[in-house]
Protein backbone atom coordinates (compact mmCIF):
# COMPACT_ATOMS: atom_id res chain seq x y z
CA UNK A 1 25.93 -93.67 49.85
CA UNK A 2 24.68 -95.36 46.62
CA UNK A 3 26.91 -98.15 45.30
CA UNK A 4 27.43 -98.71 41.83
CA UNK A 5 29.46 -100.99 39.84
CA UNK A 6 31.40 -99.36 37.01
CA UNK A 7 32.66 -100.55 33.50
CA UNK A 8 35.56 -98.65 33.26
CA UNK A 9 38.44 -101.07 33.29
CA UNK A 10 40.07 -103.10 30.65
CA UNK A 11 42.88 -105.47 31.60
CA UNK A 12 44.48 -107.53 29.20
CA UNK A 13 41.68 -106.81 26.59
CA UNK A 14 38.94 -108.36 29.24
CA UNK A 15 36.34 -105.61 30.72
CA UNK A 16 35.93 -106.17 34.00
CA UNK A 17 33.27 -104.81 36.59
CA UNK A 18 34.81 -103.28 39.82
CA UNK A 19 33.97 -100.85 42.49
CA UNK A 20 37.18 -99.67 43.84
CA UNK A 21 40.89 -100.87 42.62
CA UNK A 22 41.54 -102.13 39.13
CA UNK A 23 44.33 -104.32 40.92
CA UNK A 24 41.92 -105.99 43.12
CA UNK A 25 40.89 -109.74 42.82
CA UNK A 26 37.42 -108.86 42.45
CA UNK A 27 38.16 -106.89 39.21
CA UNK A 28 39.86 -110.12 37.84
CA UNK A 29 36.87 -112.19 38.62
CA UNK A 30 33.75 -110.06 38.12
CA UNK A 31 33.56 -110.14 34.51
CA UNK A 32 30.78 -109.46 31.93
CA UNK A 33 30.07 -112.28 29.91
CA UNK A 34 28.68 -112.12 26.13
CA UNK A 35 25.27 -111.70 25.83
CA UNK A 36 23.10 -114.96 25.15
CA UNK A 37 26.17 -117.12 26.40
CA UNK A 38 26.74 -119.65 29.20
CA UNK A 39 29.58 -118.56 31.45
CA UNK A 40 31.34 -121.83 31.19
CA UNK A 41 33.63 -122.39 28.00
CA UNK A 42 34.37 -118.61 27.32
CA UNK A 43 37.41 -116.67 27.08
CA UNK A 44 36.35 -114.76 30.13
CA UNK A 45 35.66 -118.13 31.82
CA UNK A 46 39.18 -119.21 31.08
CA UNK A 47 40.74 -115.85 32.14
CA UNK A 48 38.96 -116.16 35.55
CA UNK A 49 39.93 -119.61 36.08
CA UNK A 50 43.86 -118.93 35.17
CA UNK A 51 43.83 -116.09 37.49
CA UNK A 52 42.28 -118.09 40.64
CA UNK A 53 44.86 -121.11 39.78
CA UNK A 54 47.83 -118.64 39.43
CA UNK A 55 46.83 -116.71 42.78
CA UNK A 56 46.33 -120.03 44.54
CA UNK A 57 49.80 -121.48 43.27
CA UNK A 58 51.55 -118.03 44.35
CA UNK A 59 50.10 -118.71 47.88
CA UNK A 60 51.65 -122.26 47.86
CA UNK A 61 48.29 -124.14 47.58
CA UNK A 62 48.25 -127.50 45.77
CA UNK A 63 45.98 -126.97 42.63
CA UNK A 64 44.27 -129.43 40.55
CA UNK A 65 41.90 -128.91 37.65
CA UNK A 66 39.42 -131.39 36.79
CA UNK A 67 37.98 -130.77 33.23
CA UNK A 68 34.95 -132.57 31.71
CA UNK A 69 32.32 -131.57 28.94
CA UNK A 70 28.64 -131.71 29.41
CA UNK A 71 25.40 -130.69 27.72
CA UNK A 72 23.81 -127.37 28.55
CA UNK A 73 20.98 -125.45 27.12
CA UNK A 74 23.74 -123.85 25.02
CA UNK A 75 25.14 -127.32 23.58
CA UNK A 76 28.10 -128.98 24.79
CA UNK A 77 30.26 -126.95 27.01
CA UNK A 78 33.60 -127.47 28.83
CA UNK A 79 33.78 -127.22 32.55
CA UNK A 80 36.53 -127.19 34.90
CA UNK A 81 36.36 -127.64 38.63
CA UNK A 82 39.52 -126.19 40.55
CA UNK A 83 40.66 -128.15 43.76
CA UNK A 84 42.80 -126.38 45.98
CA UNK A 85 44.35 -127.98 48.94
CA UNK A 86 46.56 -125.94 51.40
CA UNK A 87 48.56 -129.36 52.77
CA UNK A 88 47.72 -132.19 50.59
CA UNK A 89 49.50 -134.38 53.05
CA UNK A 90 47.88 -133.36 56.06
CA UNK A 91 45.86 -136.52 57.71
CA UNK A 92 42.31 -136.52 56.70
C-alpha cells in the first residue's frame, strides 16, 4: 500500500502531519514549519519542546532545559536542549 502523510489535523491551533491517530505522539511533533524559517525559535518548535518536556515529566523523568542563543543563517535564534534522566541519582 502507498503510505502518505496527511495534513488534516489541527490541535490547539497548530497544523500537524500524521498518518494514523491525531492523539499519537508523532502527530504532536511532526509539525510543518513556516516557509523560509529555521525550525528553532518558532511557535511550533516551542510547542514540540513543551510537549516533549510534559510527556517526559508525566513519565517521572527528571527534565532539565539548557537554553542559549546562537547565530544561524536566519540571524540570532534561541535554542533549547532537553536533558532527560530517568534516575538522576543513579551511579555514573
